């Protein structure tokens, strides 16, 4: 007898429907599986066979053949177990085959028939909805995550016996798990900017960077507050939209970072990988492709502390994600694409000891200083729009700083500026100033005559490249939006020029 059921696989962060075909015939008793299977999927026949026996289901000695289609797509993971078991049981007549045609079955089987949770349930259930399935059966561990998807009925199960009991009745009569009311509002658990004393210039630069989605580098001595400021940046970003929450949650679901306590990502991500991180962990990939840090920080902040200490190869692979907003991983069995719409925030000491140019405290030689910042290539620096300097604080700033603003106050200005940008670019393929193309800069970043004259003078004096020139205009556009100005004035351009203040005396040649 022939029977089929359905489950799903993950390709990138999207689901792919897998058809499980089971055929039972006379012949030498065996249990064989085909369909371009990874080793853990091949081992499913043993898990399924023993789980069926321990759940009390007698399987006659027959020739059992299971095929996972499409056969040219490599199947990995353990989420196919439940679909395989139900297809085999239906082939032996334990319940009507037609009940399997309407639903998707996901879950890993243990040897005693228990159903364990798997990664990537959220995009799988989305895929089931898109393909017109009427219900999904998922492990109880993944139930809340699966219920995020509206428009499809979801049932959480703990054992194989529960699934069989349900399948012996029509799916229309099942007592589906009641959808829980999820709190998908941003919790704003990030620390507050009121903790930051002094550093008014840096806080202004950060506000401009977030308003226009510009990448930023902070340079300063140890203990001046670079990391403290970076950790507070997600708090001044606008709340995640529902579409952003779903996209980020898909990434975290595939990575196995969602659970019953956090079934959906509601806050802007903040990821801070150590400087020893390999390039596959930073951008994604590996033998079995998974999202990397720049994808896990999509919609939020990717913070690279001690930027010169990162391996040069690891930093170089960030070029394409920072420019295009996604990562493409190519393998023989397919191509995987992961979102990487993160805002890069980097921090660095001015030299190896961290105290340059304070000649009383700095112990580095000019050659050491040159080598330290020489680790960062010009192409990476070219993708950073803003560079600002943190300075050592004085005692009066620590105790009597009257310029402190809360995260909520700064966020209000940022949201207002981004709303202006979204309205301006509503007919374009981008939303923020940091994403402007060359044609967009010519159309939307036209400076006033005196500002254009000043910029021409700076272009010659600083030996700007075309990319450096365009970045100044984009940052000036963000400053103007924060000021509520439609025109880019001399004041806006001059402030943007100050944010191209890279430590060029420590780097060979002009980095503009």
Protein backbone atom coordinates (compact mmCIF):
# COMPACT_ATOMS: atom_id res chain seq x y z
CA UNK A 1 0.00 0.00 0.00
CA UNK A 2 1.17 3.50 -0.81
CA UNK A 3 0.70 6.58 1.38
CA UNK A 4 2.12 10.10 1.63
CA UNK A 5 2.45 12.81 4.28
CA UNK A 6 4.09 16.22 4.39
CA UNK A 7 6.74 17.99 6.43
CA UNK A 8 9.13 20.88 5.74
CA UNK A 9 12.81 21.68 5.47
CA UNK A 10 14.72 24.94 5.85
CA UNK A 11 16.55 26.65 3.01
CA UNK A 12 18.15 29.84 4.29
CA UNK A 13 15.40 31.21 6.52
CA UNK A 14 12.53 30.05 4.33
CA UNK A 15 10.67 26.77 4.44
CA UNK A 16 10.44 24.15 1.71
CA UNK A 17 7.65 21.55 1.59
CA UNK A 18 8.89 17.95 1.65
CA UNK A 19 6.63 15.11 0.50
CA UNK A 20 7.14 11.86 2.42
CA UNK A 21 6.10 8.82 0.38
CA UNK A 22 5.81 5.43 2.07
CA UNK A 23 5.24 2.17 0.21
CA UNK A 24 4.56 -1.19 1.86
CA UNK A 25 4.85 -4.32 -0.25
CA UNK A 26 5.54 -8.04 -0.06
CA UNK A 27 9.14 -9.14 -0.21
CA UNK A 28 12.19 -9.49 1.96
CA UNK A 29 11.46 -7.55 5.19
CA UNK A 30 13.45 -4.27 5.25
CA UNK A 31 13.10 -0.58 5.94
CA UNK A 32 14.88 1.54 3.35
CA UNK A 33 14.92 5.30 2.84
CA UNK A 34 15.90 7.30 -0.26
CA UNK A 35 15.88 10.93 -1.39
CA UNK A 36 19.32 12.58 -1.00
CA UNK A 37 19.48 12.17 2.77
CA UNK A 38 22.02 13.36 5.33
CA UNK A 39 23.24 10.82 7.89
CA UNK A 40 20.83 12.00 10.63
CA UNK A 41 17.89 11.54 8.24
CA UNK A 42 19.06 8.05 7.24
CA UNK A 43 19.14 7.16 10.93
CA UNK A 44 15.46 8.12 11.19
CA UNK A 45 14.44 4.61 10.10
CA UNK A 46 15.82 3.19 13.36
CA UNK A 47 14.23 5.93 15.48
CA UNK A 48 10.89 5.46 13.73
CA UNK A 49 10.93 1.65 13.83
CA UNK A 50 11.71 1.46 17.55
CA UNK A 51 9.37 4.36 18.43
CA UNK A 52 6.51 2.59 16.67
CA UNK A 53 7.21 -0.63 18.56
CA UNK A 54 7.52 1.08 21.94
CA UNK A 55 4.30 3.00 21.29
CA UNK A 56 2.41 -0.28 20.87
CA UNK A 57 2.00 -0.41 17.09
CA UNK A 58 2.71 -3.74 15.45
CA UNK A 59 4.45 -3.51 12.10
CA UNK A 60 4.20 -6.74 10.04
CA UNK A 61 7.38 -7.98 8.35
CA UNK A 62 7.07 -6.22 5.00
CA UNK A 63 9.28 -4.36 2.59
CA UNK A 64 8.96 -0.69 3.58
CA UNK A 65 10.35 2.00 1.26
CA UNK A 66 10.27 5.68 2.20
CA UNK A 67 11.10 8.45 -0.28
CA UNK A 68 11.56 12.11 0.61
CA UNK A 69 10.75 14.33 -2.35
CA UNK A 70 12.05 16.45 -4.07
CA UNK A 71 14.94 14.05 -4.46
CA UNK A 72 17.43 16.70 -5.65
CA UNK A 73 17.16 18.68 -2.39
CA UNK A 74 19.43 17.53 0.44
CA UNK A 75 17.48 16.72 3.59
CA UNK A 76 19.15 17.50 6.91
CA UNK A 77 18.02 17.50 10.52
CA UNK A 78 15.61 15.38 12.52
CA UNK A 79 12.31 17.13 11.85
CA UNK A 80 11.16 14.50 9.35
CA UNK A 81 10.65 11.71 11.90
CA UNK A 82 6.99 12.36 12.69
CA UNK A 83 5.96 12.63 9.02
CA UNK A 84 7.79 9.37 8.22
CA UNK A 85 6.15 7.54 11.13
CA UNK A 86 2.62 8.70 10.24
CA UNK A 87 3.10 7.83 6.56
CA UNK A 88 4.19 4.30 7.50
CA UNK A 89 1.28 3.88 9.93
CA UNK A 90 -1.22 5.11 7.33
CA UNK A 91 0.27 2.68 4.79
CA UNK A 92 -0.46 -0.16 7.24
CA UNK A 93 -4.04 1.09 7.67
CA UNK A 94 -3.97 2.52 11.19
CA UNK A 95 -5.92 5.59 10.03
CA UNK A 96 -7.32 7.01 6.76
CA UNK A 97 -4.71 8.35 4.36
CA UNK A 98 -6.75 11.39 3.33
CA UNK A 99 -6.35 12.96 6.78
CA UNK A 100 -2.64 13.42 6.07
CA UNK A 101 -3.23 15.42 2.90
CA UNK A 102 -4.36 18.57 4.69
CA UNK A 103 -1.57 19.05 7.19
CA UNK A 104 2.11 19.42 7.94
CA UNK A 105 3.74 17.19 10.56
CA UNK A 106 6.93 18.32 12.28
CA UNK A 107 8.94 16.76 15.07
CA UNK A 108 11.76 14.44 16.12
CA UNK A 109 10.95 11.05 17.65
CA UNK A 110 12.69 9.59 20.65
CA UNK A 111 12.87 5.81 21.02
CA UNK A 112 9.98 5.73 23.52
CA UNK A 113 7.64 7.62 21.19
CA UNK A 114 8.07 11.06 22.72
CA UNK A 115 8.08 13.97 20.25
CA UNK A 116 10.93 16.44 20.70
CA UNK A 117 11.22 20.03 19.58
CA UNK A 118 13.14 21.10 16.46
CA UNK A 119 14.65 24.30 15.06
CA UNK A 120 13.01 26.43 12.38
CA UNK A 121 9.34 25.75 13.17
CA UNK A 122 8.27 29.36 12.56
CA UNK A 123 9.30 29.57 8.87
CA UNK A 124 8.03 26.02 8.32
CA UNK A 125 4.54 26.93 9.55
CA UNK A 126 4.62 30.08 7.39
CA UNK A 127 5.39 27.85 4.41
CA UNK A 128 2.49 25.53 5.27
CA UNK A 129 0.13 28.51 5.29
CA UNK A 130 1.44 29.74 1.95
CA UNK A 131 0.91 26.29 0.38
CA UNK A 132 -2.68 26.03 1.55
CA UNK A 133 -2.36 23.47 4.37
CA UNK A 134 -5.19 23.65 6.90
CA UNK A 135 -3.35 22.42 10.01
CA UNK A 136 0.08 21.78 11.50
CA UNK A 137 1.08 19.24 14.14
CA UNK A 138 4.17 20.36 16.04
CA UNK A 139 6.03 19.32 19.20
CA UNK A 140 4.63 20.87 22.37
CA UNK A 141 7.99 22.61 22.87
CA UNK A 142 7.43 24.56 19.64
CA UNK A 143 3.71 25.24 20.09
CA UNK A 144 3.87 28.91 21.13
CA UNK A 145 6.36 29.67 18.38
CA UNK A 146 4.11 27.99 15.78
CA UNK A 147 1.03 29.86 17.02
CA UNK A 148 2.55 33.17 16.00
CA UNK A 149 1.43 32.42 12.43
CA UNK A 150 -2.22 33.37 12.02
CA UNK A 151 -4.54 31.73 9.51
CA UNK A 152 -3.62 28.10 10.14
CA UNK A 153 -4.67 25.71 12.91
CA UNK A 154 -1.88 24.38 15.10
CA UNK A 155 -1.83 21.41 17.45
CA UNK A 156 0.90 20.66 19.96
CA UNK A 157 1.60 17.00 20.77
CA UNK A 158 3.91 15.16 23.16
CA UNK A 159 3.78 11.55 21.97
CA UNK A 160 3.28 9.55 18.79
CA UNK A 161 0.21 7.92 20.35
CA UNK A 162 -1.50 11.32 20.59
CA UNK A 163 -0.94 11.88 16.88
CA UNK A 164 -2.41 8.48 15.96
CA UNK A 165 -5.47 9.04 18.15
CA UNK A 166 -6.08 12.37 16.42
CA UNK A 167 -5.58 10.87 12.95
CA UNK A 168 -8.25 8.25 13.62
CA UNK A 169 -10.77 11.11 13.59
CA UNK A 170 -11.35 13.84 11.02
CA UNK A 171 -8.99 16.84 11.44
CA UNK A 172 -12.05 19.10 11.38
CA UNK A 173 -13.17 17.64 14.72
CA UNK A 174 -9.82 18.00 16.51
CA UNK A 175 -9.51 20.10 19.63
CA UNK A 176 -6.79 22.42 18.37
CA UNK A 177 -4.52 24.19 20.82
CA UNK A 178 -5.95 27.58 21.72
CA UNK A 179 -3.88 30.41 20.35
CA UNK A 180 -2.11 32.21 23.18
CA UNK A 181 -2.19 36.01 23.32
CA UNK A 182 1.44 36.92 22.73
CA UNK A 183 3.08 40.11 23.89
CA UNK A 184 4.89 41.25 20.76
CA UNK A 185 5.59 44.79 21.91
CA UNK A 186 9.12 46.06 22.33
CA UNK A 187 10.14 45.71 25.98
CA UNK A 188 13.00 48.25 25.84
CA UNK A 189 15.22 46.29 28.18
CA UNK A 190 18.35 48.12 27.03
CA UNK A 191 20.20 50.38 29.50
CA UNK A 192 19.40 54.09 29.47
CA UNK A 193 21.51 56.94 28.09
CA UNK A 194 21.11 58.75 31.41
CA UNK A 195 23.95 56.53 32.65
CA UNK A 196 26.36 58.17 30.19
CA UNK A 197 28.19 61.20 31.57
CA UNK A 198 29.87 63.68 29.28
CA UNK A 199 30.68 62.57 25.72
CA UNK A 200 28.17 65.02 24.24
CA UNK A 201 29.89 64.91 20.84
CA UNK A 202 29.79 61.12 20.72
CA UNK A 203 26.14 60.96 21.75
CA UNK A 204 25.28 63.45 19.02
CA UNK A 205 27.21 61.38 16.46
CA UNK A 206 25.39 58.23 17.58
CA UNK A 207 22.04 59.98 17.24
CA UNK A 208 22.89 61.06 13.69
CA UNK A 209 24.11 57.54 12.86
CA UNK A 210 20.92 55.86 14.08
CA UNK A 211 18.66 58.46 12.47
CA UNK A 212 20.11 57.73 9.01
CA UNK A 213 21.23 54.12 9.57
CA UNK A 214 24.90 55.02 9.13
CA UNK A 215 27.74 52.76 10.29
CA UNK A 216 29.84 54.38 13.01
CA UNK A 217 33.31 53.97 14.53
CA UNK A 218 34.18 55.26 18.02
CA UNK A 219 37.85 55.80 18.80
CA UNK A 220 39.06 56.60 22.29
CA UNK A 221 41.10 55.49 25.30
CA UNK A 222 40.05 52.56 27.51
CA UNK A 223 37.29 53.37 29.99
CA UNK A 224 35.94 56.36 28.09
CA UNK A 225 32.52 54.76 27.56
CA UNK A 226 32.61 53.28 24.04
CA UNK A 227 31.02 49.97 25.01
CA UNK A 228 28.49 51.62 27.36
CA UNK A 229 27.28 53.87 24.54
CA UNK A 230 27.12 51.02 22.05
CA UNK A 231 24.95 48.88 24.35
CA UNK A 232 22.42 51.70 24.59
CA UNK A 233 22.05 52.24 20.85
CA UNK A 234 19.22 49.67 20.30
CA UNK A 235 17.13 51.62 22.81
CA UNK A 236 17.06 54.77 20.65
CA UNK A 237 16.01 52.83 17.56
CA UNK A 238 12.30 52.83 16.67
CA UNK A 239 10.26 49.82 17.87
CA UNK A 240 10.29 46.83 15.54
CA UNK A 241 7.39 46.59 13.12
CA UNK A 242 5.50 43.29 12.99
CA UNK A 243 7.15 42.43 9.66
CA UNK A 244 10.60 43.05 11.15
CA UNK A 245 9.75 40.94 14.19
CA UNK A 246 8.75 38.04 11.97
CA UNK A 247 11.85 38.27 9.77
CA UNK A 248 14.20 38.42 12.76
CA UNK A 249 12.28 35.67 14.55
CA UNK A 250 12.72 33.41 11.51
CA UNK A 251 16.48 33.90 11.72
CA UNK A 252 16.49 33.09 15.44
CA UNK A 253 14.17 30.11 14.91
CA UNK A 254 16.48 28.57 12.32
CA UNK A 255 19.40 29.15 14.69
CA UNK A 256 17.59 27.44 17.57
CA UNK A 257 17.51 30.59 19.71
CA UNK A 258 13.74 30.72 20.32
CA UNK A 259 12.02 28.88 23.15
CA UNK A 260 8.78 28.93 25.11
CA UNK A 261 9.91 31.96 27.11
CA UNK A 262 10.92 33.88 23.99
CA UNK A 263 8.83 32.60 21.06
CA UNK A 264 9.28 35.83 19.10
CA UNK A 265 11.95 38.55 18.99
CA UNK A 266 10.45 41.84 20.15
CA UNK A 267 13.55 43.95 20.85
CA UNK A 268 16.20 45.24 18.49
CA UNK A 269 19.04 42.68 18.53
CA UNK A 270 22.45 43.59 19.94
CA UNK A 271 25.25 41.21 19.05
CA UNK A 272 28.82 41.65 20.22
CA UNK A 273 31.04 38.81 18.94
CA UNK A 274 34.54 38.38 20.38
CA UNK A 275 37.42 39.50 18.18
CA UNK A 276 38.53 35.87 17.76
CA UNK A 277 35.29 35.00 15.90
CA UNK A 278 35.92 33.11 12.61
CA UNK A 279 34.49 34.50 9.41
CA UNK A 280 31.85 31.75 9.05
CA UNK A 281 30.47 32.61 12.50
CA UNK A 282 30.49 36.31 11.63
CA UNK A 283 28.65 36.21 8.29
CA UNK A 284 27.20 32.69 8.28
CA UNK A 285 27.92 29.54 6.34
CA UNK A 286 29.89 26.53 7.41
CA UNK A 287 29.57 22.93 6.25
CA UNK A 288 25.92 23.01 7.29
CA UNK A 289 24.98 26.65 6.59
CA UNK A 290 23.61 28.68 9.48
CA UNK A 291 23.05 32.42 9.97
CA UNK A 292 26.05 34.34 11.32
CA UNK A 293 26.35 37.27 13.71
CA UNK A 294 25.57 39.89 11.08
CA UNK A 295 22.27 38.08 10.32
CA UNK A 296 21.45 37.56 14.01
CA UNK A 297 21.90 41.33 14.45
CA UNK A 298 19.68 42.16 11.46
CA UNK A 299 17.37 45.02 12.38
CA UNK A 300 19.64 45.94 15.28
CA UNK A 301 23.29 46.52 16.14
CA UNK A 302 26.40 44.52 15.28
CA UNK A 303 29.01 45.78 17.74
CA UNK A 304 32.65 45.03 16.96
CA UNK A 305 34.69 46.02 20.00
CA UNK A 306 38.46 46.38 19.55
CA UNK A 307 38.05 46.50 15.78
CA UNK A 308 41.79 46.31 14.91
CA UNK A 309 42.06 43.05 16.89
CA UNK A 310 39.68 41.20 14.57
CA UNK A 311 41.23 38.95 11.97
CA UNK A 312 41.57 40.84 8.72
CA UNK A 313 39.90 38.04 6.74
CA UNK A 314 36.90 38.11 9.07
CA UNK A 315 36.43 41.84 8.56
CA UNK A 316 36.83 41.65 4.80
CA UNK A 317 33.88 39.29 4.41
CA UNK A 318 31.65 42.00 5.90
CA UNK A 319 32.00 44.17 2.79
CA UNK A 320 29.12 42.68 0.81
CA UNK A 321 26.65 42.33 3.75
CA UNK A 322 27.24 45.95 4.82
CA UNK A 323 26.72 47.15 1.26
CA UNK A 324 23.74 45.01 0.20
CA UNK A 325 21.99 44.06 3.45
CA UNK A 326 22.06 40.30 2.99
CA UNK A 327 24.47 37.34 2.96
CA UNK A 328 24.56 34.77 0.19
CA UNK A 329 26.12 31.39 1.01
CA UNK A 330 26.69 29.07 -1.95
CA UNK A 331 27.12 25.32 -1.58
CA UNK A 332 27.02 22.41 -4.01
CA UNK A 333 23.54 21.46 -2.82
CA UNK A 334 22.12 24.96 -3.04
CA UNK A 335 22.33 28.67 -2.31
CA UNK A 336 21.24 30.14 1.01
CA UNK A 337 20.36 33.78 1.57
CA UNK A 338 20.18 35.41 4.99
CA UNK A 339 19.10 38.98 5.81
CA UNK A 340 21.88 41.17 7.25
CA UNK A 341 20.27 44.59 7.63
CA UNK A 342 22.35 45.44 10.68
CA UNK A 343 23.89 48.72 11.75
CA UNK A 344 27.62 48.37 12.29
CA UNK A 345 28.95 50.00 15.46
CA UNK A 346 32.69 49.58 15.96
CA UNK A 347 35.04 50.70 18.71
CA UNK A 348 38.82 50.95 18.79
CA UNK A 349 41.61 52.29 20.93
CA UNK A 350 43.74 55.00 19.28
CA UNK A 351 46.84 52.82 19.62
CA UNK A 352 48.05 49.54 21.10
CA UNK A 353 48.24 50.87 24.68
CA UNK A 354 45.18 53.05 24.17
CA UNK A 355 46.45 56.48 25.23
CA UNK A 356 47.68 58.10 22.00
CA UNK A 357 48.18 61.09 21.53
CA UNK A 358 48.82 61.65 25.27
CA UNK A 359 52.62 61.58 25.16
CA UNK A 360 52.84 61.30 28.96
CA UNK A 361 50.90 58.02 29.04
CA UNK A 362 51.33 56.52 25.56
CA UNK A 363 54.18 54.01 25.31
CA UNK A 364 53.71 53.07 21.64
CA UNK A 365 56.25 53.81 18.95
CA UNK A 366 55.10 55.36 15.62
CA UNK A 367 55.69 52.01 13.93
CA UNK A 368 53.43 50.23 16.44
CA UNK A 369 50.71 52.83 15.98
CA UNK A 370 50.96 52.45 12.22
CA UNK A 371 50.69 48.66 12.39
CA UNK A 372 47.78 48.80 14.86
CA UNK A 373 45.39 50.75 12.63
CA UNK A 374 46.94 49.32 9.50
CA UNK A 375 45.13 46.08 10.32
CA UNK A 376 41.89 47.72 9.17
CA UNK A 377 41.69 47.89 5.39
CA UNK A 378 40.58 50.96 3.53
CA UNK A 379 37.54 49.16 1.94
CA UNK A 380 36.18 48.46 5.44
CA UNK A 381 36.79 52.05 6.58
CA UNK A 382 35.09 53.27 3.41
CA UNK A 383 31.91 51.53 4.57
CA UNK A 384 31.90 53.46 7.84
CA UNK A 385 30.10 56.78 7.44
CA UNK A 386 30.88 58.36 10.81
CA UNK A 387 33.97 58.33 12.99
CA UNK A 388 33.93 60.10 16.34
CA UNK A 389 36.27 60.33 19.30
CA UNK A 390 35.55 59.56 22.92
CA UNK A 391 37.69 61.43 25.45
CA UNK A 392 38.69 60.78 29.04
CA UNK A 393 36.23 62.38 31.45
CA UNK A 394 36.99 64.97 34.08
CA UNK A 395 35.68 64.65 37.61
CA UNK A 396 33.14 67.45 37.23
CA UNK A 397 31.58 65.69 34.24
CA UNK A 398 31.10 62.52 36.24
CA UNK A 399 29.38 64.29 39.11
CA UNK A 400 27.73 67.41 37.66
CA UNK A 401 26.84 66.70 34.03
CA UNK A 402 23.75 68.77 33.14
CA UNK A 403 23.59 67.64 29.49
CA UNK A 404 22.25 64.14 30.23
CA UNK A 405 19.27 63.06 28.12
CA UNK A 406 17.21 59.89 28.49
CA UNK A 407 16.94 57.21 25.84
CA UNK A 408 13.24 58.07 25.35
CA UNK A 409 14.01 61.71 24.49
CA UNK A 410 16.69 60.76 21.96
CA UNK A 411 14.50 58.03 20.46
CA UNK A 412 11.71 60.53 19.88
CA UNK A 413 13.99 62.69 17.72
CA UNK A 414 15.30 59.64 15.86
CA UNK A 415 11.79 58.34 15.12
CA UNK A 416 10.76 61.77 13.84
CA UNK A 417 13.77 61.94 11.51
CA UNK A 418 13.19 58.41 10.20
CA UNK A 419 9.52 59.14 9.53
CA UNK A 420 10.63 62.05 7.34
CA UNK A 421 12.96 59.73 5.42
CA UNK A 422 10.31 57.05 4.92
CA UNK A 423 7.93 59.64 3.53
CA UNK A 424 10.61 61.10 1.25
CA UNK A 425 11.65 57.70 -0.10
CA UNK A 426 8.19 56.10 -0.22
CA UNK A 427 8.51 55.54 -3.99
CA UNK A 428 12.10 54.30 -3.80
CA UNK A 429 13.60 50.90 -3.02
CA UNK A 430 15.27 52.23 0.15
CA UNK A 431 14.03 53.93 3.32
CA UNK A 432 17.00 55.56 5.03
CA UNK A 433 19.71 58.05 4.12
CA UNK A 434 22.44 55.50 4.77
CA UNK A 435 21.03 53.35 1.95
CA UNK A 436 21.00 56.08 -0.70
CA UNK A 437 22.36 55.18 -4.12
CA UNK A 438 24.44 57.55 -6.22
CA UNK A 439 21.34 58.59 -8.16
CA UNK A 440 19.46 59.08 -4.91
CA UNK A 441 22.21 61.36 -3.57
CA UNK A 442 21.99 63.53 -6.70
CA UNK A 443 18.23 63.74 -6.31
CA UNK A 444 17.77 64.17 -2.55
CA UNK A 445 21.08 65.55 -1.20
CA UNK A 446 21.47 68.91 -2.89
CA UNK A 447 23.38 71.35 -0.63
CA UNK A 448 22.85 75.10 -0.51
CA UNK A 449 25.26 77.15 -2.69
CA UNK A 450 27.52 78.17 0.21
CA UNK A 451 27.52 74.59 1.53
CA UNK A 452 28.41 73.28 -1.94
CA UNK A 453 31.26 75.76 -2.18
CA UNK A 454 32.59 74.70 1.22
CA UNK A 455 32.31 71.04 0.27
CA UNK A 456 34.27 71.68 -2.92
CA UNK A 457 37.04 73.26 -0.84
CA UNK A 458 37.06 70.28 1.55
CA UNK A 459 37.15 67.86 -1.38
CA UNK A 460 40.38 69.39 -2.63
CA UNK A 461 41.94 70.00 0.77
CA UNK A 462 41.25 66.51 2.15
CA UNK A 463 41.71 64.64 -1.16
CA UNK A 464 38.30 63.06 -0.82
CA UNK A 465 37.33 60.05 -2.91
CA UNK A 466 33.93 59.93 -4.60
CA UNK A 467 32.72 57.55 -1.88
CA UNK A 468 33.91 59.87 0.89
CA UNK A 469 32.19 62.82 -0.81
CA UNK A 470 28.92 60.90 -1.08
CA UNK A 471 29.06 59.78 2.54
CA UNK A 472 29.44 63.37 3.73
CA UNK A 473 26.33 64.32 1.77
CA UNK A 474 24.34 61.38 3.17
CA UNK A 475 25.33 62.21 6.75
CA UNK A 476 24.52 65.89 6.13
CA UNK A 477 21.08 64.82 4.89
CA UNK A 478 20.50 62.95 8.19
CA UNK A 479 21.63 65.96 10.24
CA UNK A 480 19.21 68.14 8.30
CA UNK A 481 16.38 65.67 8.93
CA UNK A 482 17.10 65.77 12.68
CA UNK A 483 16.88 69.55 12.49
CA UNK A 484 13.62 69.36 10.53
CA UNK A 485 15.19 71.11 7.55
CA UNK A 486 14.43 70.28 3.93
CA UNK A 487 17.60 72.07 2.80
CA UNK A 488 21.16 70.98 3.50
CA UNK A 489 22.89 74.07 4.84
CA UNK A 490 26.51 74.95 5.52
CA UNK A 491 26.09 74.00 9.19
CA UNK A 492 24.88 70.53 8.27
CA UNK A 493 27.73 69.93 5.84
CA UNK A 494 30.39 71.21 8.24
CA UNK A 495 29.14 68.89 11.00
CA UNK A 496 29.16 65.95 8.56
CA UNK A 497 32.76 66.79 7.57
CA UNK A 498 33.76 66.61 11.23
CA UNK A 499 32.43 63.05 11.36
CA UNK A 500 35.01 61.98 8.75
CA UNK A 501 37.61 62.43 11.49
CA UNK A 502 39.38 59.09 11.10
CA UNK A 503 42.76 58.77 12.87
CA UNK A 504 44.56 59.26 9.55
CA UNK A 505 47.82 60.17 11.24
CA UNK A 506 47.93 56.52 12.39
CA UNK A 507 47.19 55.11 8.95
CA UNK A 508 49.33 55.16 5.86
CA UNK A 509 47.86 57.53 3.29
CA UNK A 510 44.50 59.26 3.20
CA UNK A 511 41.57 57.10 4.12
CA UNK A 512 39.02 59.57 2.85
